[in-house]
Amino acid sequence: MAQHKSAAKRARQAVKKNAVNTARKSVVRTAEKALASALKNKDVKAAQTLLSAYVSKIMKAAQKGVFTKATASRKVGRLTTQVQKAAK
């Protein structure tokens, strides 16, 4: 337990920030699963639309520090390649 007022406040802030980051990560994972499902079903139009939404969500999360920018970039690159292959 925190012994100082400032430490107690920092602990409260950490709990709130953790909840926000968990929610952001969940949104990104849900978008990723929807995109993977569209690719599996060979629905190219939906995959292209979902890819655009996914890129927006993961890059926003990376800006906020939920994911590192390198991780976000790697995931976007791999999924973009998969969508392009499916479109051919």
PDB file of N, CA and C in Angstrom:
ATOM      1  N   MET A   1       0.845  -1.188   0.000  1.00  0.00           N
ATOM      2  CA  MET A   1       0.000   0.000   0.000  1.00  0.00           C
ATOM      3  C   MET A   1       0.884   1.242   0.000  1.00  0.00           C
ATOM      4  N   ALA A   2       0.411   2.256  -0.705  1.00  0.00           N
ATOM      5  CA  ALA A   2       1.170   3.497  -0.829  1.00  0.00           C
ATOM      6  C   ALA A   2       1.254   4.218   0.515  1.00  0.00           C
ATOM      7  N   GLN A   3       2.446   4.750   0.804  1.00  0.00           N
ATOM      8  CA  GLN A   3       2.679   5.428   2.077  1.00  0.00           C
ATOM      9  C   GLN A   3       2.529   6.949   1.968  1.00  0.00           C
ATOM     10  N   HIS A   4       2.607   7.484   0.748  1.00  0.00           N
ATOM     11  CA  HIS A   4       2.528   8.930   0.540  1.00  0.00           C
ATOM     12  C   HIS A   4       1.336   9.261  -0.347  1.00  0.00           C
ATOM     13  N   LYS A   5       0.873  10.519  -0.203  1.00  0.00           N
ATOM     14  CA  LYS A   5      -0.261  10.944  -1.028  1.00  0.00           C
ATOM     15  C   LYS A   5       0.065  10.826  -2.510  1.00  0.00           C
ATOM     16  N   SER A   6       1.271  11.230  -2.886  1.00  0.00           N
ATOM     17  CA  SER A   6       1.652  11.203  -4.300  1.00  0.00           C
ATOM     18  C   SER A   6       1.735   9.768  -4.821  1.00  0.00           C
ATOM     19  N   ALA A   7       2.192   8.854  -3.981  1.00  0.00           N
ATOM     20  CA  ALA A   7       2.277   7.446  -4.385  1.00  0.00           C
ATOM     21  C   ALA A   7       0.886   6.847  -4.528  1.00  0.00           C
ATOM     22  N   ALA A   8      -0.022   7.245  -3.660  1.00  0.00           N
ATOM     23  CA  ALA A   8      -1.400   6.752  -3.755  1.00  0.00           C
ATOM     24  C   ALA A   8      -2.055   7.264  -5.033  1.00  0.00           C
ATOM     25  N   LYS A   9      -1.811   8.533  -5.353  1.00  0.00           N
ATOM     26  CA  LYS A   9      -2.373   9.102  -6.574  1.00  0.00           C
ATOM     27  C   LYS A   9      -1.803   8.391  -7.799  1.00  0.00           C
ATOM     28  N   ARG A  10      -0.503   8.159  -7.794  1.00  0.00           N
ATOM     29  CA  ARG A  10       0.136   7.471  -8.918  1.00  0.00           C
ATOM     30  C   ARG A  10      -0.448   6.058  -9.087  1.00  0.00           C
ATOM     31  N   ALA A  11      -0.747   5.397  -7.981  1.00  0.00           N
ATOM     32  CA  ALA A  11      -1.339   4.057  -8.045  1.00  0.00           C
ATOM     33  C   ALA A  11      -2.741   4.115  -8.650  1.00  0.00           C
ATOM     34  N   ARG A  12      -3.521   5.135  -8.268  1.00  0.00           N
ATOM     35  CA  ARG A  12      -4.865   5.296  -8.842  1.00  0.00           C
ATOM     36  C   ARG A  12      -4.771   5.564 -10.339  1.00  0.00           C
ATOM     37  N   GLN A  13      -3.828   6.415 -10.738  1.00  0.00           N
ATOM     38  CA  GLN A  13      -3.657   6.736 -12.155  1.00  0.00           C
ATOM     39  C   GLN A  13      -3.248   5.499 -12.945  1.00  0.00           C
ATOM     40  N   ALA A  14      -2.404   4.674 -12.356  1.00  0.00           N
ATOM     41  CA  ALA A  14      -1.934   3.467 -13.033  1.00  0.00           C
ATOM     42  C   ALA A  14      -3.088   2.503 -13.285  1.00  0.00           C
ATOM     43  N   VAL A  15      -3.995   2.404 -12.343  1.00  0.00           N
ATOM     44  CA  VAL A  15      -5.155   1.520 -12.508  1.00  0.00           C
ATOM     45  C   VAL A  15      -6.035   2.017 -13.657  1.00  0.00           C
ATOM     46  N   LYS A  16      -6.279   3.324 -13.702  1.00  0.00           N
ATOM     47  CA  LYS A  16      -7.101   3.896 -14.770  1.00  0.00           C
ATOM     48  C   LYS A  16      -6.435   3.711 -16.129  1.00  0.00           C
ATOM     49  N   LYS A  17      -5.132   3.978 -16.190  1.00  0.00           N
ATOM     50  CA  LYS A  17      -4.393   3.880 -17.449  1.00  0.00           C
ATOM     51  C   LYS A  17      -4.374   2.433 -17.943  1.00  0.00           C
ATOM     52  N   ASN A  18      -4.247   1.498 -17.013  1.00  0.00           N
ATOM     53  CA  ASN A  18      -4.255   0.088 -17.383  1.00  0.00           C
ATOM     54  C   ASN A  18      -5.587  -0.302 -18.006  1.00  0.00           C
ATOM     55  N   ALA A  19      -6.681   0.202 -17.458  1.00  0.00           N
ATOM     56  CA  ALA A  19      -8.002  -0.097 -18.005  1.00  0.00           C
ATOM     57  C   ALA A  19      -8.158   0.470 -19.417  1.00  0.00           C
ATOM     58  N   VAL A  20      -7.675   1.684 -19.629  1.00  0.00           N
ATOM     59  CA  VAL A  20      -7.756   2.318 -20.944  1.00  0.00           C
ATOM     60  C   VAL A  20      -6.918   1.552 -21.955  1.00  0.00           C
ATOM     61  N   ASN A  21      -5.692   1.202 -21.572  1.00  0.00           N
ATOM     62  CA  ASN A  21      -4.804   0.482 -22.481  1.00  0.00           C
ATOM     63  C   ASN A  21      -5.346  -0.902 -22.813  1.00  0.00           C
ATOM     64  N   THR A  22      -5.944  -1.568 -21.839  1.00  0.00           N
ATOM     65  CA  THR A  22      -6.538  -2.887 -22.074  1.00  0.00           C
ATOM     66  C   THR A  22      -7.683  -2.773 -23.061  1.00  0.00           C
ATOM     67  N   ALA A  23      -8.489  -1.743 -22.936  1.00  0.00           N
ATOM     68  CA  ALA A  23      -9.607  -1.541 -23.858  1.00  0.00           C
ATOM     69  C   ALA A  23      -9.098  -1.265 -25.269  1.00  0.00           C
ATOM     70  N   ARG A  24      -8.060  -0.439 -25.390  1.00  0.00           N
ATOM     71  CA  ARG A  24      -7.492  -0.140 -26.711  1.00  0.00           C
ATOM     72  C   ARG A  24      -6.922  -1.394 -27.356  1.00  0.00           C
ATOM     73  N   LYS A  25      -6.229  -2.192 -26.566  1.00  0.00           N
ATOM     74  CA  LYS A  25      -5.638  -3.425 -27.087  1.00  0.00           C
ATOM     75  C   LYS A  25      -6.730  -4.384 -27.547  1.00  0.00           C
ATOM     76  N   SER A  26      -7.831  -4.424 -26.816  1.00  0.00           N
ATOM     77  CA  SER A  26      -8.953  -5.280 -27.178  1.00  0.00           C
ATOM     78  C   SER A  26      -9.572  -4.860 -28.506  1.00  0.00           C
ATOM     79  N   VAL A  27      -9.719  -3.561 -28.717  1.00  0.00           N
ATOM     80  CA  VAL A  27     -10.280  -3.047 -29.970  1.00  0.00           C
ATOM     81  C   VAL A  27      -9.403  -3.454 -31.152  1.00  0.00           C
ATOM     82  N   VAL A  28      -8.098  -3.352 -30.961  1.00  0.00           N
ATOM     83  CA  VAL A  28      -7.160  -3.706 -32.037  1.00  0.00           C
ATOM     84  C   VAL A  28      -7.231  -5.200 -32.327  1.00  0.00           C
ATOM     85  N   ARG A  29      -7.250  -6.008 -31.285  1.00  0.00           N
ATOM     86  CA  ARG A  29      -7.295  -7.466 -31.475  1.00  0.00           C
ATOM     87  C   ARG A  29      -8.593  -7.891 -32.154  1.00  0.00           C
ATOM     88  N   THR A  30      -9.686  -7.259 -31.794  1.00  0.00           N
ATOM     89  CA  THR A  30     -10.970  -7.576 -32.423  1.00  0.00           C
ATOM     90  C   THR A  30     -10.938  -7.238 -33.910  1.00  0.00           C
ATOM     91  N   ALA A  31     -10.361  -6.095 -34.238  1.00  0.00           N
ATOM     92  CA  ALA A  31     -10.247  -5.693 -35.647  1.00  0.00           C
ATOM     93  C   ALA A  31      -9.352  -6.669 -36.408  1.00  0.00           C
ATOM     94  N   GLU A  32      -8.285  -7.121 -35.758  1.00  0.00           N
ATOM     95  CA  GLU A  32      -7.362  -8.069 -36.390  1.00  0.00           C
ATOM     96  C   GLU A  32      -8.060  -9.401 -36.667  1.00  0.00           C
ATOM     97  N   LYS A  33      -8.873  -9.850 -35.718  1.00  0.00           N
ATOM     98  CA  LYS A  33      -9.602 -11.112 -35.900  1.00  0.00           C
ATOM     99  C   LYS A  33     -10.636 -10.995 -37.020  1.00  0.00           C
ATOM    100  N   ALA A  34     -11.302  -9.858 -37.117  1.00  0.00           N
ATOM    101  CA  ALA A  34     -12.287  -9.651 -38.184  1.00  0.00           C
ATOM    102  C   ALA A  34     -11.598  -9.671 -39.542  1.00  0.00           C
ATOM    103  N   LEU A  35     -10.428  -9.065 -39.632  1.00  0.00           N
ATOM    104  CA  LEU A  35      -9.658  -9.051 -40.879  1.00  0.00           C
ATOM    105  C   LEU A  35      -9.192 -10.455 -41.231  1.00  0.00           C
ATOM    106  N   ALA A  36      -8.714 -11.195 -40.257  1.00  0.00           N
ATOM    107  CA  ALA A  36      -8.275 -12.570 -40.495  1.00  0.00           C
ATOM    108  C   ALA A  36      -9.439 -13.438 -40.971  1.00  0.00           C
ATOM    109  N   SER A  37     -10.608 -13.207 -40.408  1.00  0.00           N
ATOM    110  CA  SER A  37     -11.801 -13.951 -40.808  1.00  0.00           C
ATOM    111  C   SER A  37     -12.176 -13.638 -42.259  1.00  0.00           C
ATOM    112  N   ALA A  38     -12.096 -12.373 -42.650  1.00  0.00           N
ATOM    113  CA  ALA A  38     -12.398 -11.984 -44.029  1.00  0.00           C
ATOM    114  C   ALA A  38     -11.400 -12.606 -44.995  1.00  0.00           C
ATOM    115  N   LEU A  39     -10.134 -12.652 -44.600  1.00  0.00           N
ATOM    116  CA  LEU A  39      -9.119 -13.275 -45.451  1.00  0.00           C
ATOM    117  C   LEU A  39      -9.364 -14.779 -45.587  1.00  0.00           C
ATOM    118  N   LYS A  40      -9.739 -15.397 -44.495  1.00  0.00           N
ATOM    119  CA  LYS A  40     -10.001 -16.841 -44.507  1.00  0.00           C
ATOM    120  C   LYS A  40     -11.174 -17.173 -45.423  1.00  0.00           C
ATOM    121  N   ASN A  41     -12.188 -16.313 -45.426  1.00  0.00           N
ATOM    122  CA  ASN A  41     -13.377 -16.518 -46.259  1.00  0.00           C
ATOM    123  C   ASN A  41     -13.195 -15.990 -47.678  1.00  0.00           C
ATOM    124  N   LYS A  42     -11.989 -15.461 -47.970  1.00  0.00           N
ATOM    125  CA  LYS A  42     -11.650 -14.936 -49.295  1.00  0.00           C
ATOM    126  C   LYS A  42     -12.569 -13.798 -49.741  1.00  0.00           C
ATOM    127  N   ASP A  43     -12.977 -12.985 -48.786  1.00  0.00           N
ATOM    128  CA  ASP A  43     -13.813 -11.813 -49.071  1.00  0.00           C
ATOM    129  C   ASP A  43     -12.883 -10.609 -49.224  1.00  0.00           C
ATOM    130  N   VAL A  44     -12.451 -10.357 -50.457  1.00  0.00           N
ATOM    131  CA  VAL A  44     -11.411  -9.358 -50.711  1.00  0.00           C
ATOM    132  C   VAL A  44     -11.900  -7.943 -50.420  1.00  0.00           C
ATOM    133  N   LYS A  45     -13.104  -7.612 -50.849  1.00  0.00           N
ATOM    134  CA  LYS A  45     -13.633  -6.251 -50.625  1.00  0.00           C
ATOM    135  C   LYS A  45     -13.694  -5.933 -49.127  1.00  0.00           C
ATOM    136  N   ALA A  46     -14.238  -6.878 -48.371  1.00  0.00           N
ATOM    137  CA  ALA A  46     -14.341  -6.671 -46.923  1.00  0.00           C
ATOM    138  C   ALA A  46     -12.955  -6.593 -46.298  1.00  0.00           C
ATOM    139  N   ALA A  47     -12.034  -7.418 -46.767  1.00  0.00           N
ATOM    140  CA  ALA A  47     -10.677  -7.424 -46.213  1.00  0.00           C
ATOM    141  C   ALA A  47      -9.997  -6.086 -46.439  1.00  0.00           C
ATOM    142  N   GLN A  48     -10.184  -5.492 -47.620  1.00  0.00           N
ATOM    143  CA  GLN A  48      -9.568  -4.201 -47.897  1.00  0.00           C
ATOM    144  C   GLN A  48     -10.141  -3.107 -46.999  1.00  0.00           C
ATOM    145  N   THR A  49     -11.445  -3.148 -46.801  1.00  0.00           N
ATOM    146  CA  THR A  49     -12.087  -2.172 -45.914  1.00  0.00           C
ATOM    147  C   THR A  49     -11.624  -2.363 -44.469  1.00  0.00           C
ATOM    148  N   LEU A  50     -11.593  -3.630 -44.031  1.00  0.00           N
ATOM    149  CA  LEU A  50     -11.184  -3.931 -42.664  1.00  0.00           C
ATOM    150  C   LEU A  50      -9.708  -3.610 -42.431  1.00  0.00           C
ATOM    151  N   LEU A  51      -8.894  -3.775 -43.468  1.00  0.00           N
ATOM    152  CA  LEU A  51      -7.471  -3.449 -43.336  1.00  0.00           C
ATOM    153  C   LEU A  51      -7.294  -1.962 -43.057  1.00  0.00           C
ATOM    154  N   SER A  52      -8.032  -1.149 -43.771  1.00  0.00           N
ATOM    155  CA  SER A  52      -7.948   0.291 -43.565  1.00  0.00           C
ATOM    156  C   SER A  52      -8.329   0.666 -42.137  1.00  0.00           C
ATOM    157  N   ALA A  53      -9.404   0.072 -41.646  1.00  0.00           N
ATOM    158  CA  ALA A  53      -9.837   0.345 -40.271  1.00  0.00           C
ATOM    159  C   ALA A  53      -8.812  -0.173 -39.268  1.00  0.00           C
ATOM    160  N   TYR A  54      -8.251  -1.346 -39.553  1.00  0.00           N
ATOM    161  CA  TYR A  54      -7.262  -1.949 -38.653  1.00  0.00           C
ATOM    162  C   TYR A  54      -6.015  -1.079 -38.546  1.00  0.00           C
ATOM    163  N   VAL A  55      -5.530  -0.591 -39.696  1.00  0.00           N
ATOM    164  CA  VAL A  55      -4.332   0.252 -39.704  1.00  0.00           C
ATOM    165  C   VAL A  55      -4.576   1.491 -38.850  1.00  0.00           C
ATOM    166  N   SER A  56      -5.730   2.089 -39.006  1.00  0.00           N
ATOM    167  CA  SER A  56      -6.062   3.281 -38.235  1.00  0.00           C
ATOM    168  C   SER A  56      -6.039   2.985 -36.733  1.00  0.00           C
ATOM    169  N   LYS A  57      -6.652   1.871 -36.346  1.00  0.00           N
ATOM    170  CA  LYS A  57      -6.748   1.539 -34.918  1.00  0.00           C
ATOM    171  C   LYS A  57      -5.401   1.197 -34.311  1.00  0.00           C
ATOM    172  N   ILE A  58      -4.607   0.392 -35.010  1.00  0.00           N
ATOM    173  CA  ILE A  58      -3.335  -0.029 -34.413  1.00  0.00           C
ATOM    174  C   ILE A  58      -2.330   1.113 -34.376  1.00  0.00           C
ATOM    175  N   MET A  59      -2.350   1.980 -35.379  1.00  0.00           N
ATOM    176  CA  MET A  59      -1.421   3.107 -35.357  1.00  0.00           C
ATOM    177  C   MET A  59      -1.805   4.114 -34.263  1.00  0.00           C
ATOM    178  N   LYS A  60      -3.094   4.277 -34.050  1.00  0.00           N
ATOM    179  CA  LYS A  60      -3.555   5.141 -32.950  1.00  0.00           C
ATOM    180  C   LYS A  60      -3.094   4.567 -31.611  1.00  0.00           C
ATOM    181  N   ALA A  61      -3.215   3.240 -31.471  1.00  0.00           N
ATOM    182  CA  ALA A  61      -2.763   2.586 -30.240  1.00  0.00           C
ATOM    183  C   ALA A  61      -1.249   2.723 -30.079  1.00  0.00           C
ATOM    184  N   ALA A  62      -0.526   2.643 -31.187  1.00  0.00           N
ATOM    185  CA  ALA A  62       0.931   2.783 -31.121  1.00  0.00           C
ATOM    186  C   ALA A  62       1.324   4.198 -30.702  1.00  0.00           C
ATOM    187  N   GLN A  63       0.590   5.187 -31.192  1.00  0.00           N
ATOM    188  CA  GLN A  63       0.851   6.573 -30.777  1.00  0.00           C
ATOM    189  C   GLN A  63       0.654   6.749 -29.280  1.00  0.00           C
ATOM    190  N   LYS A  64      -0.323   6.026 -28.740  1.00  0.00           N
ATOM    191  CA  LYS A  64      -0.635   6.145 -27.318  1.00  0.00           C
ATOM    192  C   LYS A  64       0.267   5.274 -26.449  1.00  0.00           C
ATOM    193  N   GLY A  65       1.118   4.449 -27.082  1.00  0.00           N
ATOM    194  CA  GLY A  65       2.060   3.646 -26.319  1.00  0.00           C
ATOM    195  C   GLY A  65       1.553   2.273 -25.926  1.00  0.00           C
ATOM    196  N   VAL A  66       0.426   1.844 -26.473  1.00  0.00           N
ATOM    197  CA  VAL A  66      -0.114   0.527 -26.149  1.00  0.00           C
ATOM    198  C   VAL A  66       0.742  -0.547 -26.817  1.00  0.00           C
ATOM    199  N   PHE A  67       1.117  -0.310 -28.072  1.00  0.00           N
ATOM    200  CA  PHE A  67       2.044  -1.163 -28.811  1.00  0.00           C
ATOM    201  C   PHE A  67       3.236  -0.295 -29.191  1.00  0.00           C
ATOM    202  N   THR A  68       4.388  -0.930 -29.402  1.00  0.00           N
ATOM    203  CA  THR A  68       5.498  -0.153 -29.936  1.00  0.00           C
ATOM    204  C   THR A  68       5.217   0.114 -31.410  1.00  0.00           C
ATOM    205  N   LYS A  69       5.820   1.151 -31.944  1.00  0.00           N
ATOM    206  CA  LYS A  69       5.585   1.497 -33.347  1.00  0.00           C
ATOM    207  C   LYS A  69       6.116   0.411 -34.268  1.00  0.00           C
ATOM    208  N   ALA A  70       7.195  -0.250 -33.868  1.00  0.00           N
ATOM    209  CA  ALA A  70       7.760  -1.328 -34.682  1.00  0.00           C
ATOM    210  C   ALA A  70       6.799  -2.512 -34.758  1.00  0.00           C
ATOM    211  N   THR A  71       6.174  -2.844 -33.650  1.00  0.00           N
ATOM    212  CA  THR A  71       5.209  -3.947 -33.626  1.00  0.00           C
ATOM    213  C   THR A  71       4.020  -3.624 -34.516  1.00  0.00           C
ATOM    214  N   ALA A  72       3.514  -2.413 -34.396  1.00  0.00           N
ATOM    215  CA  ALA A  72       2.371  -1.998 -35.204  1.00  0.00           C
ATOM    216  C   ALA A  72       2.731  -2.038 -36.686  1.00  0.00           C
ATOM    217  N   SER A  73       3.891  -1.527 -37.024  1.00  0.00           N
ATOM    218  CA  SER A  73       4.331  -1.500 -38.410  1.00  0.00           C
ATOM    219  C   SER A  73       4.494  -2.913 -38.963  1.00  0.00           C
ATOM    220  N   ARG A  74       5.063  -3.798 -38.183  1.00  0.00           N
ATOM    221  CA  ARG A  74       5.251  -5.191 -38.606  1.00  0.00           C
ATOM    222  C   ARG A  74       3.917  -5.877 -38.871  1.00  0.00           C
ATOM    223  N   LYS A  75       2.970  -5.696 -37.954  1.00  0.00           N
ATOM    224  CA  LYS A  75       1.657  -6.319 -38.124  1.00  0.00           C
ATOM    225  C   LYS A  75       0.943  -5.763 -39.354  1.00  0.00           C
ATOM    226  N   VAL A  76       1.012  -4.460 -39.544  1.00  0.00           N
ATOM    227  CA  VAL A  76       0.366  -3.827 -40.701  1.00  0.00           C
ATOM    228  C   VAL A  76       0.980  -4.351 -41.988  1.00  0.00           C
ATOM    229  N   GLY A  77       2.298  -4.436 -42.020  1.00  0.00           N
ATOM    230  CA  GLY A  77       2.981  -4.910 -43.220  1.00  0.00           C
ATOM    231  C   GLY A  77       2.596  -6.328 -43.586  1.00  0.00           C
ATOM    232  N   ARG A  78       2.541  -7.190 -42.614  1.00  0.00           N
ATOM    233  CA  ARG A  78       2.208  -8.593 -42.877  1.00  0.00           C
ATOM    234  C   ARG A  78       0.760  -8.743 -43.338  1.00  0.00           C
ATOM    235  N   LEU A  79      -0.137  -8.024 -42.690  1.00  0.00           N
ATOM    236  CA  LEU A  79      -1.539  -8.125 -43.088  1.00  0.00           C
ATOM    237  C   LEU A  79      -1.789  -7.484 -44.448  1.00  0.00           C
ATOM    238  N   THR A  80      -1.087  -6.406 -44.744  1.00  0.00           N
ATOM    239  CA  THR A  80      -1.215  -5.761 -46.050  1.00  0.00           C
ATOM    240  C   THR A  80      -0.777  -6.721 -47.153  1.00  0.00           C
ATOM    241  N   THR A  81       0.312  -7.432 -46.911  1.00  0.00           N
ATOM    242  CA  THR A  81       0.795  -8.418 -47.879  1.00  0.00           C
ATOM    243  C   THR A  81      -0.250  -9.505 -48.107  1.00  0.00           C
ATOM    244  N   GLN A  82      -0.864  -9.974 -47.037  1.00  0.00           N
ATOM    245  CA  GLN A  82      -1.886 -11.019 -47.158  1.00  0.00           C
ATOM    246  C   GLN A  82      -3.091 -10.529 -47.956  1.00  0.00           C
ATOM    247  N   VAL A  83      -3.512  -9.299 -47.716  1.00  0.00           N
ATOM    248  CA  VAL A  83      -4.663  -8.739 -48.442  1.00  0.00           C
ATOM    249  C   VAL A  83      -4.309  -8.577 -49.922  1.00  0.00           C
ATOM    250  N   GLN A  84      -3.101  -8.126 -50.210  1.00  0.00           N
ATOM    251  CA  GLN A  84      -2.681  -7.956 -51.602  1.00  0.00           C
ATOM    252  C   GLN A  84      -2.620  -9.294 -52.324  1.00  0.00           C
ATOM    253  N   LYS A  85      -2.151 -10.337 -51.640  1.00  0.00           N
ATOM    254  CA  LYS A  85      -2.113 -11.679 -52.244  1.00  0.00           C
ATOM    255  C   LYS A  85      -3.526 -12.169 -52.531  1.00  0.00           C
ATOM    256  N   ALA A  86      -4.443 -11.905 -51.605  1.00  0.00           N
ATOM    257  CA  ALA A  86      -5.826 -12.344 -51.772  1.00  0.00           C
ATOM    258  C   ALA A  86      -6.498 -11.597 -52.933  1.00  0.00           C
ATOM    259  N   ALA A  87      -6.084 -10.363 -53.168  1.00  0.00           N
ATOM    260  CA  ALA A  87      -6.694  -9.559 -54.225  1.00  0.00           C
ATOM    261  C   ALA A  87      -6.274 -10.018 -55.615  1.00  0.00           C
ATOM    262  N   LYS A  88      -5.149 -10.732 -55.708  1.00  0.00           N
ATOM    263  CA  LYS A  88      -4.665 -11.188 -57.023  1.00  0.00           C
ATOM    264  C   LYS A  88      -5.423 -12.393 -57.530  1.00  0.00           C
TER     265      LYS A  88
END
